[in-house]
């Protein structure tokens, strides 16, 4: 269950990172509210998961999940280029996260 919470927290990291960018320096109310709520829930999920998952592993999985999804979302929206090299590098990050889970 803690792994599911951790992945959910990583998804929320992508949400808050995207909302933070959309808030234009916390000047737009709706993206700012989404940022604050998603950030709090993401941190809470990370904290819960870290009760049973080692800190280094949990943090690496949380960060990699959030970063990968943030970049993927930006590529899908067309705000960042989607090149073969970038996609392969994202797949490498995902492979590393799966590897951490496999050996944890």
Protein backbone atom coordinates (compact mmCIF):
# COMPACT_ATOMS: atom_id res chain seq x y z
CA UNK A 1 0.00 0.00 0.00
CA UNK A 2 2.84 2.40 0.80
CA UNK A 3 4.25 1.95 -2.71
CA UNK A 4 0.89 2.98 -4.19
CA UNK A 5 0.81 6.02 -1.90
CA UNK A 6 4.37 6.87 -2.93
CA UNK A 7 3.54 6.69 -6.64
CA UNK A 8 0.41 8.78 -6.04
CA UNK A 9 2.55 11.33 -4.22
CA UNK A 10 4.90 11.38 -7.20
CA UNK A 11 1.97 12.04 -9.53
CA UNK A 12 0.94 14.91 -7.27
CA UNK A 13 4.48 16.24 -7.50
CA UNK A 14 3.99 16.53 -11.27
CA UNK A 15 0.67 18.29 -10.64
CA UNK A 16 2.18 20.85 -8.28
CA UNK A 17 5.20 21.46 -10.48
CA UNK A 18 2.97 22.08 -13.49
CA UNK A 19 0.61 24.27 -11.46
CA UNK A 20 3.57 26.24 -10.10
CA UNK A 21 4.69 27.02 -13.64
CA UNK A 22 1.14 27.98 -14.62
CA UNK A 23 0.79 30.26 -11.60
CA UNK A 24 3.21 32.79 -13.11
CA UNK A 25 5.10 33.34 -9.88
CA UNK A 26 2.10 32.60 -7.64
CA UNK A 27 0.21 35.52 -9.22
CA UNK A 28 -2.69 33.52 -10.71
CA UNK A 29 -5.14 32.31 -8.04
CA UNK A 30 -6.41 28.98 -9.42
CA UNK A 31 -3.01 27.48 -10.35
CA UNK A 32 -1.65 28.76 -7.03
CA UNK A 33 -4.40 26.96 -5.10
CA UNK A 34 -3.79 23.76 -7.11
CA UNK A 35 -0.06 24.10 -6.39
CA UNK A 36 -0.55 24.47 -2.62
CA UNK A 37 -3.06 21.62 -2.29
CA UNK A 38 -1.08 19.23 -4.50
CA UNK A 39 2.20 20.11 -2.75
CA UNK A 40 0.76 19.43 0.71
CA UNK A 41 -0.83 16.15 -0.38
CA UNK A 42 2.34 15.10 -2.20
CA UNK A 43 4.52 15.74 0.84
CA UNK A 44 2.02 13.94 3.07
CA UNK A 45 2.09 10.90 0.79
CA UNK A 46 5.88 10.90 0.78
CA UNK A 47 5.93 11.10 4.57
CA UNK A 48 3.48 8.21 4.91
CA UNK A 49 5.43 6.05 2.46
CA UNK A 50 8.70 6.76 4.27
CA UNK A 51 7.37 4.99 7.35
CA UNK A 52 8.04 1.65 5.66
CA UNK A 53 10.16 2.47 2.59
CA UNK A 54 13.78 3.58 3.14
CA UNK A 55 14.21 7.34 2.85
CA UNK A 56 16.66 7.29 -0.05
CA UNK A 57 14.56 4.88 -2.09
CA UNK A 58 11.30 6.69 -1.36
CA UNK A 59 12.75 10.09 -2.22
CA UNK A 60 14.33 8.81 -5.44
CA UNK A 61 11.09 7.17 -6.58
CA UNK A 62 9.00 10.23 -5.62
CA UNK A 63 11.32 12.63 -7.42
CA UNK A 64 11.74 10.46 -10.51
CA UNK A 65 8.00 9.89 -10.82
CA UNK A 66 7.21 13.58 -10.50
CA UNK A 67 10.00 14.75 -12.78
CA UNK A 68 9.25 12.18 -15.47
CA UNK A 69 5.54 12.94 -15.51
CA UNK A 70 6.17 16.70 -15.50
CA UNK A 71 8.42 16.43 -18.56
CA UNK A 72 6.07 13.97 -20.28
CA UNK A 73 3.11 16.30 -19.73
CA UNK A 74 5.08 19.24 -21.13
CA UNK A 75 6.02 17.17 -24.18
CA UNK A 76 2.39 16.14 -24.74
CA UNK A 77 1.27 19.76 -24.48
CA UNK A 78 4.00 20.86 -26.86
CA UNK A 79 5.74 23.20 -24.42
CA UNK A 80 8.90 21.08 -24.50
CA UNK A 81 10.35 19.23 -27.48
CA UNK A 82 9.68 15.50 -27.67
CA UNK A 83 12.82 14.08 -29.22
CA UNK A 84 13.88 10.47 -29.35
CA UNK A 85 16.79 11.13 -27.01
CA UNK A 86 14.54 12.84 -24.43
CA UNK A 87 12.02 10.00 -24.55
CA UNK A 88 14.78 7.41 -24.15
CA UNK A 89 16.19 9.30 -21.18
CA UNK A 90 12.75 9.40 -19.55
CA UNK A 91 12.43 5.66 -20.10
CA UNK A 92 15.82 5.30 -18.40
CA UNK A 93 14.50 7.16 -15.36
CA UNK A 94 11.44 4.91 -15.26
CA UNK A 95 13.66 1.82 -15.57
CA UNK A 96 15.74 3.01 -12.61
CA UNK A 97 12.61 3.52 -10.49
CA UNK A 98 11.41 0.02 -11.35
CA UNK A 99 14.88 -1.27 -10.44
CA UNK A 100 14.76 0.46 -7.06
CA UNK A 101 11.38 -1.11 -6.37
CA UNK A 102 12.67 -4.52 -7.43
CA UNK A 103 15.59 -4.44 -5.00
CA UNK A 104 13.82 -2.69 -2.10
